[in-house]
Protein backbone atom coordinates (compact mmCIF):
# COMPACT_ATOMS: atom_id res chain seq x y z
CA MET A 1 29.92 -38.67 9.15
CA GLU A 2 30.97 -40.94 6.31
CA ALA A 3 34.26 -42.77 6.87
CA ASP A 4 35.92 -41.11 3.89
CA GLU A 5 34.64 -37.58 4.67
CA PRO A 6 37.51 -35.28 5.73
CA GLU A 7 37.26 -34.08 9.32
CA ASP A 8 37.65 -30.43 8.34
CA ASP A 9 34.63 -30.74 5.96
CA PHE A 10 32.57 -32.02 8.88
CA ILE A 11 33.63 -28.99 10.94
CA VAL A 12 32.55 -26.66 8.12
CA HIS A 13 29.12 -28.33 7.94
CA ALA A 14 28.76 -28.06 11.71
CA LEU A 15 29.65 -24.36 11.63
CA ASP A 16 27.12 -23.76 8.83
CA ALA A 17 24.42 -25.48 10.89
CA ALA A 18 25.35 -23.38 13.91
CA ARG A 19 25.13 -20.18 11.89
CA MET A 20 21.70 -21.17 10.58
CA LEU A 21 20.51 -21.88 14.12
CA ALA A 22 21.89 -18.57 15.36
CA SER A 23 20.15 -16.75 12.50
CA HIS A 24 16.87 -18.45 13.39
CA ARG A 25 17.29 -17.39 17.02
CA ARG A 26 17.79 -13.77 15.95
CA MET A 27 14.35 -13.83 14.38
CA GLU A 28 11.87 -12.37 16.84
CA GLN A 29 9.43 -15.04 18.01
CA ASN A 30 8.03 -13.61 21.22
CA TRP A 31 6.72 -10.06 20.88
CA THR A 32 5.63 -9.62 24.50
CA ASP A 33 6.67 -6.17 25.78
CA LYS A 34 7.10 -4.95 22.20
CA SER A 35 5.05 -2.21 20.60
CA VAL A 36 3.87 -2.19 16.97
CA ILE A 37 2.00 0.41 14.90
CA VAL A 38 -0.08 -0.85 11.98
CA THR A 39 -1.50 1.77 9.64
CA GLY A 40 -4.55 0.90 7.58
CA GLY A 41 -5.55 -1.28 10.51
CA GLY A 42 -9.29 -1.18 9.92
CA GLY A 43 -9.43 -4.02 7.42
CA GLY A 44 -7.75 -6.14 4.79
CA MET A 45 -4.00 -6.52 5.06
CA GLY A 46 -3.69 -4.14 8.02
CA GLN A 47 -6.31 -5.99 10.02
CA ALA A 48 -4.68 -9.35 9.35
CA ALA A 49 -1.25 -7.96 10.28
CA ALA A 50 -2.56 -6.44 13.52
CA LYS A 51 -4.08 -9.77 14.50
CA ARG A 52 -0.81 -11.58 13.73
CA PHE A 53 1.34 -9.28 15.88
CA ALA A 54 -1.19 -9.21 18.73
CA GLU A 55 -1.28 -13.02 18.76
CA ALA A 56 2.51 -12.97 19.12
CA GLY A 57 2.17 -10.82 22.25
CA ALA A 58 2.77 -7.29 20.92
CA ARG A 59 0.85 -4.24 22.05
CA THR A 60 -0.51 -3.32 18.63
CA PHE A 61 -1.70 0.19 17.81
CA ILE A 62 -3.90 0.36 14.73
CA PHE A 63 -4.28 3.63 12.84
CA GLY A 64 -7.34 4.43 10.74
CA ARG A 65 -9.27 7.51 9.66
CA THR A 66 -12.30 6.85 11.90
CA LEU A 67 -12.80 5.01 15.16
CA ALA A 68 -15.76 3.15 13.65
CA SER A 69 -13.54 1.72 10.91
CA LEU A 70 -11.24 0.22 13.56
CA GLN A 71 -13.85 -1.46 15.76
CA GLU A 72 -13.83 -4.83 14.00
CA THR A 73 -10.06 -5.15 14.27
CA THR A 74 -10.04 -3.95 17.87
CA ALA A 75 -12.44 -6.74 18.82
CA LEU A 76 -9.93 -9.37 17.67
CA SER A 77 -7.59 -8.97 20.65
CA SER A 78 -7.24 -7.14 23.95
CA ARG A 79 -3.72 -6.22 22.82
CA ILE A 80 -5.03 -4.14 19.87
CA VAL A 81 -5.43 -0.41 20.59
CA PRO A 82 -7.36 1.76 18.08
CA ILE A 83 -6.14 5.31 17.33
CA VAL A 84 -7.75 7.68 14.85
CA CYS A 85 -5.15 8.86 12.33
CA ASP A 86 -5.11 10.11 8.75
CA VAL A 87 -1.65 9.38 7.33
CA ALA A 88 -2.04 12.22 4.81
CA ASP A 89 -2.45 14.75 7.64
CA THR A 90 0.68 15.51 9.68
CA GLY A 91 -1.37 17.10 12.46
CA SER A 92 -3.45 13.94 12.78
CA ILE A 93 -0.28 11.85 12.87
CA ALA A 94 1.26 14.03 15.58
CA ALA A 95 -1.81 13.54 17.78
CA ALA A 96 -1.82 9.79 17.15
CA MET A 97 1.89 9.46 17.92
CA ALA A 98 1.42 11.38 21.18
CA GLU A 99 -1.01 8.65 22.26
CA VAL A 100 1.38 5.87 21.25
CA LEU A 101 4.35 7.48 23.00
CA LYS A 102 2.47 7.51 26.31
CA HIS A 103 3.13 3.76 26.28
CA GLY A 104 6.76 4.02 25.15
CA THR A 105 8.57 4.13 21.84
CA PRO A 106 7.21 1.83 19.12
CA ASP A 107 9.57 -0.97 18.11
CA VAL A 108 8.02 -1.47 14.67
CA LEU A 109 5.94 0.39 12.12
CA ILE A 110 3.96 -1.73 9.65
CA HIS A 111 2.65 0.69 7.04
CA THR A 112 -0.15 -0.84 4.97
CA ALA A 113 -2.31 2.27 4.40
CA GLY A 114 -3.02 2.91 0.73
CA ILE A 115 -5.84 3.61 -1.68
CA ASN A 116 -6.87 3.27 -5.30
CA THR A 117 -9.75 4.77 -7.24
CA PRO A 118 -12.18 3.44 -9.88
CA ASP A 119 -11.04 6.11 -12.37
CA ARG A 120 -7.56 4.95 -13.28
CA PHE A 121 -6.95 5.55 -17.00
CA MET A 122 -5.16 8.32 -18.91
CA ALA A 123 -7.34 7.68 -21.94
CA HIS A 124 -10.55 5.67 -22.28
CA ALA A 125 -13.71 5.65 -24.40
CA ASP A 126 -15.66 6.17 -21.18
CA PRO A 127 -14.73 9.60 -19.69
CA ALA A 128 -15.70 8.36 -16.20
CA ARG A 129 -12.74 5.96 -16.34
CA ILE A 130 -10.19 8.76 -16.85
CA ALA A 131 -8.43 9.63 -13.60
CA SER A 132 -9.58 13.00 -12.26
CA GLU A 133 -7.34 15.63 -10.68
CA GLU A 134 -8.98 14.87 -7.34
CA SER A 135 -8.16 11.17 -7.66
CA TRP A 136 -4.56 11.91 -8.57
CA ARG A 137 -4.15 14.12 -5.50
CA LYS A 138 -5.79 11.61 -3.14
CA VAL A 139 -3.64 8.73 -4.38
CA ILE A 140 -0.39 10.70 -4.14
CA ASP A 141 -1.29 12.24 -0.77
CA ILE A 142 -2.06 8.88 0.85
CA ASN A 143 0.12 6.41 -1.04
CA VAL A 144 3.28 8.53 -1.25
CA LEU A 145 3.14 11.37 1.26
CA GLY A 146 1.48 9.03 3.77
CA VAL A 147 4.63 6.89 3.68
CA VAL A 148 6.85 9.96 4.06
CA ASN A 149 4.76 11.30 6.94
CA MET A 150 4.73 8.04 8.91
CA ILE A 151 8.44 7.32 8.45
CA GLN A 152 9.30 10.81 9.67
CA ALA A 153 6.89 10.49 12.60
CA VAL A 154 8.35 7.25 13.97
CA SER A 155 12.01 7.55 12.98
CA GLY A 156 12.81 10.35 15.47
CA PRO A 157 11.55 8.49 18.56
CA MET A 158 13.03 5.22 17.29
CA ALA A 159 16.46 6.76 16.77
CA GLU A 160 16.41 8.32 20.25
CA ASN A 161 15.47 4.91 21.68
CA GLY A 162 18.31 3.10 19.95
CA GLY A 163 16.60 1.96 16.76
CA GLY A 164 13.59 0.18 15.36
CA LYS A 165 12.09 -1.41 12.28
CA ILE A 166 9.85 -0.05 9.53
CA VAL A 167 8.12 -2.22 6.95
CA VAL A 168 6.30 -0.42 4.14
CA VAL A 169 3.85 -2.13 1.81
CA SER A 170 4.46 -1.09 -1.78
CA SER A 171 3.34 -3.25 -4.72
CA THR A 172 4.61 -5.10 -7.74
CA ALA A 173 2.94 -2.19 -9.58
CA GLY A 174 5.99 -0.22 -8.44
CA HIS A 175 8.42 -2.77 -9.88
CA GLY A 176 6.87 -3.33 -13.31
CA TYR A 177 3.52 -2.41 -14.75
CA ASP A 178 0.11 -3.73 -13.77
CA SER A 179 -2.47 -2.49 -16.24
CA TYR A 180 -5.43 -3.16 -13.97
CA ALA A 181 -3.84 -1.13 -11.13
CA GLY A 182 -4.23 2.12 -13.05
CA VAL A 183 -1.89 4.99 -13.81
CA PRO A 184 -2.13 7.01 -10.54
CA TYR A 185 -1.69 3.94 -8.33
CA THR A 186 1.21 2.60 -10.39
CA ALA A 187 2.91 6.01 -10.38
CA SER A 188 2.50 6.21 -6.59
CA LYS A 189 4.03 2.79 -6.02
CA TRP A 190 7.02 3.53 -8.25
CA ALA A 191 7.55 6.63 -6.10
CA VAL A 192 7.36 4.57 -2.90
CA HIS A 193 9.81 1.98 -4.24
CA GLY A 194 12.33 4.72 -5.07
CA LEU A 195 11.77 6.43 -1.74
CA LEU A 196 12.50 3.24 0.20
CA LEU A 197 15.63 2.43 -1.81
CA THR A 198 17.01 5.90 -1.14
CA ALA A 199 15.98 6.20 2.51
CA ARG A 200 17.14 2.74 3.60
CA MET A 201 20.79 3.55 4.32
CA GLN A 202 19.95 6.97 5.76
CA LEU A 203 17.74 5.32 8.37
CA ASN A 204 20.21 2.49 8.89
CA ALA A 205 22.69 5.09 10.12
CA HIS A 206 20.28 5.58 13.04
CA ASN A 207 19.87 1.83 13.60
CA ILE A 208 16.45 1.80 11.94
CA VAL A 209 15.92 -1.15 9.61
CA LEU A 210 13.73 -0.20 6.63
CA SER A 211 12.15 -2.96 4.55
CA GLU A 212 9.78 -3.17 1.60
CA TYR A 213 6.96 -5.66 1.00
CA ALA A 214 5.71 -5.72 -2.59
CA PRO A 215 2.77 -8.10 -3.01
CA GLY A 216 1.23 -8.89 -6.36
CA GLU A 217 -2.48 -9.50 -6.74
CA ALA A 218 -3.90 -9.69 -3.24
CA LEU A 219 -7.54 -10.05 -2.25
CA THR A 220 -7.86 -6.82 -0.25
CA PRO A 221 -10.71 -4.26 -0.17
CA LEU A 222 -9.01 -2.37 -3.03
CA VAL A 223 -10.15 -5.13 -5.40
CA LYS A 224 -13.74 -3.93 -4.99
CA LEU A 225 -12.78 -0.63 -6.68
CA ARG A 226 -11.71 -2.25 -9.94
CA PRO A 227 -13.77 -1.10 -12.92
CA VAL A 228 -14.22 -4.75 -13.90
CA GLN A 229 -14.52 -7.25 -11.07
CA PRO A 230 -12.43 -10.45 -11.14
CA THR A 231 -14.20 -13.79 -11.18
CA GLU A 232 -14.53 -15.93 -8.07
CA GLU A 233 -12.02 -18.35 -9.61
CA HIS A 234 -9.59 -15.47 -9.99
CA LYS A 235 -10.12 -14.25 -6.41
CA ALA A 236 -9.51 -17.74 -5.05
CA LYS A 237 -6.00 -17.71 -6.58
CA MET A 238 -4.97 -14.30 -5.25
CA ILE A 239 -2.69 -13.76 -2.24
CA SER A 240 -4.85 -13.73 0.90
CA THR A 241 -4.64 -11.08 3.60
CA GLY A 242 -3.47 -13.85 5.94
CA ASP A 243 -0.60 -14.57 3.55
CA CYS A 244 0.29 -10.87 3.62
CA ALA A 245 0.21 -10.80 7.43
CA ASP A 246 2.53 -13.80 7.68
CA THR A 247 5.00 -12.17 5.29
CA LEU A 248 4.93 -8.83 7.13
CA PHE A 249 5.49 -10.63 10.43
CA PHE A 250 8.43 -12.54 8.94
CA ILE A 251 10.03 -9.36 7.58
CA ALA A 252 9.63 -7.49 10.87
CA SER A 253 11.09 -10.45 12.75
CA GLN A 254 14.40 -10.30 10.87
CA ALA A 255 17.49 -8.41 11.96
CA HIS A 256 18.14 -7.38 8.36
CA SER A 257 16.63 -5.02 5.81
CA MET A 258 14.55 -6.96 3.30
CA SER A 259 12.84 -6.38 -0.03
CA VAL A 260 10.22 -9.08 -0.52
CA ILE A 261 8.19 -9.57 -3.68
CA GLN A 262 5.32 -12.02 -3.29
CA LEU A 263 3.34 -13.24 -6.30
CA PRO A 264 0.45 -15.63 -6.77
CA ALA A 265 1.56 -18.58 -8.88
CA TYR A 266 -0.22 -17.38 -12.03
CA GLN A 267 1.16 -13.82 -12.05
CA PRO A 268 4.30 -13.03 -14.08
CA PHE A 269 6.72 -10.49 -12.64
CA GLY A 270 7.29 -7.17 -14.33
CA GLY A 271 4.01 -6.73 -16.14
CA MET A 272 0.84 -8.22 -17.52
CA PRO A 273 1.49 -9.04 -21.21
CA PRO A 274 -1.79 -9.89 -23.03
CA PRO A 275 -0.38 -12.95 -24.85
CA ILE A 276 -0.19 -14.84 -21.55
CA THR A 277 -3.37 -16.68 -20.67
CA ALA A 278 -4.24 -16.05 -17.04
CA PRO A 279 -7.39 -15.66 -14.92
CA TRP A 280 -7.08 -11.87 -14.67
CA LEU A 281 -7.08 -11.09 -18.42
CA ASN A 282 -10.81 -10.43 -18.69
CA GLY A 283 -10.48 -7.84 -15.94
CA LEU A 284 -8.10 -5.55 -17.82
CA ASP A 285 -10.83 -4.04 -20.00
CA ILE A 286 -8.43 -1.98 -22.10
CA LYS A 287 -9.41 -3.00 -25.64
CA PRO A 288 -12.66 -1.62 -27.08
CA LYS A 289 -15.44 -4.15 -26.83
CA ALA A 290 -16.66 -5.61 -30.13
């Protein structure tokens, strides 16, 4: 302490430091004896998240539509348990939850499951690029109703057990507009964002902390479905699945509800205006080719 620094100022600084330390201690570091569900656990962000929680000691249940799709993730840790589950099917979810509940109530749900389709336009010179009715239904069923179904499935047991945490992956496509993401996907993520904002306090009344993770361009398997593939230079600058896993782990480790938007350095928030030069511009493919 400097000689001319008032003693009461020093006490304030000490209290601030103590509060910061206490906050850090409240962040979950050791997940041994804790139980986590990760949807979309067969690959990409879900696989990376499952690995992250298992490494921290959690019994980690991964949900995916087929057992074969979960084998690669299961092999990463003895703490990872594969369960077949289609998040768009409430009967499938009920069966999957029955398996989880044999081991106790889950402490955390990490919901990463989501899809996109190659046909993602409302109007395009190529009719194959216009989103079909089937694509619209699939995207809404999985991206929106899948979130509803999973929250409802875990919130009852969590509330009866004294509480829990739910982290749902949305997207910056639900906070602005991302032309390359397509109309059905963007509409679904706006719906998810609104759902989470509205449901947060309702779940909090039951001691369930609901948080949202909205990544920007991330190098997940969904990228392979883009009508125009990004360059290798572009891919190298995207958010990695490991980055996503670290962020999901951080959110789930907090005592508080969080809304986290994560963007690669080149991506502006709130949209993709053509005047800005960026590595993804060639991938938009909206203007007619000369």
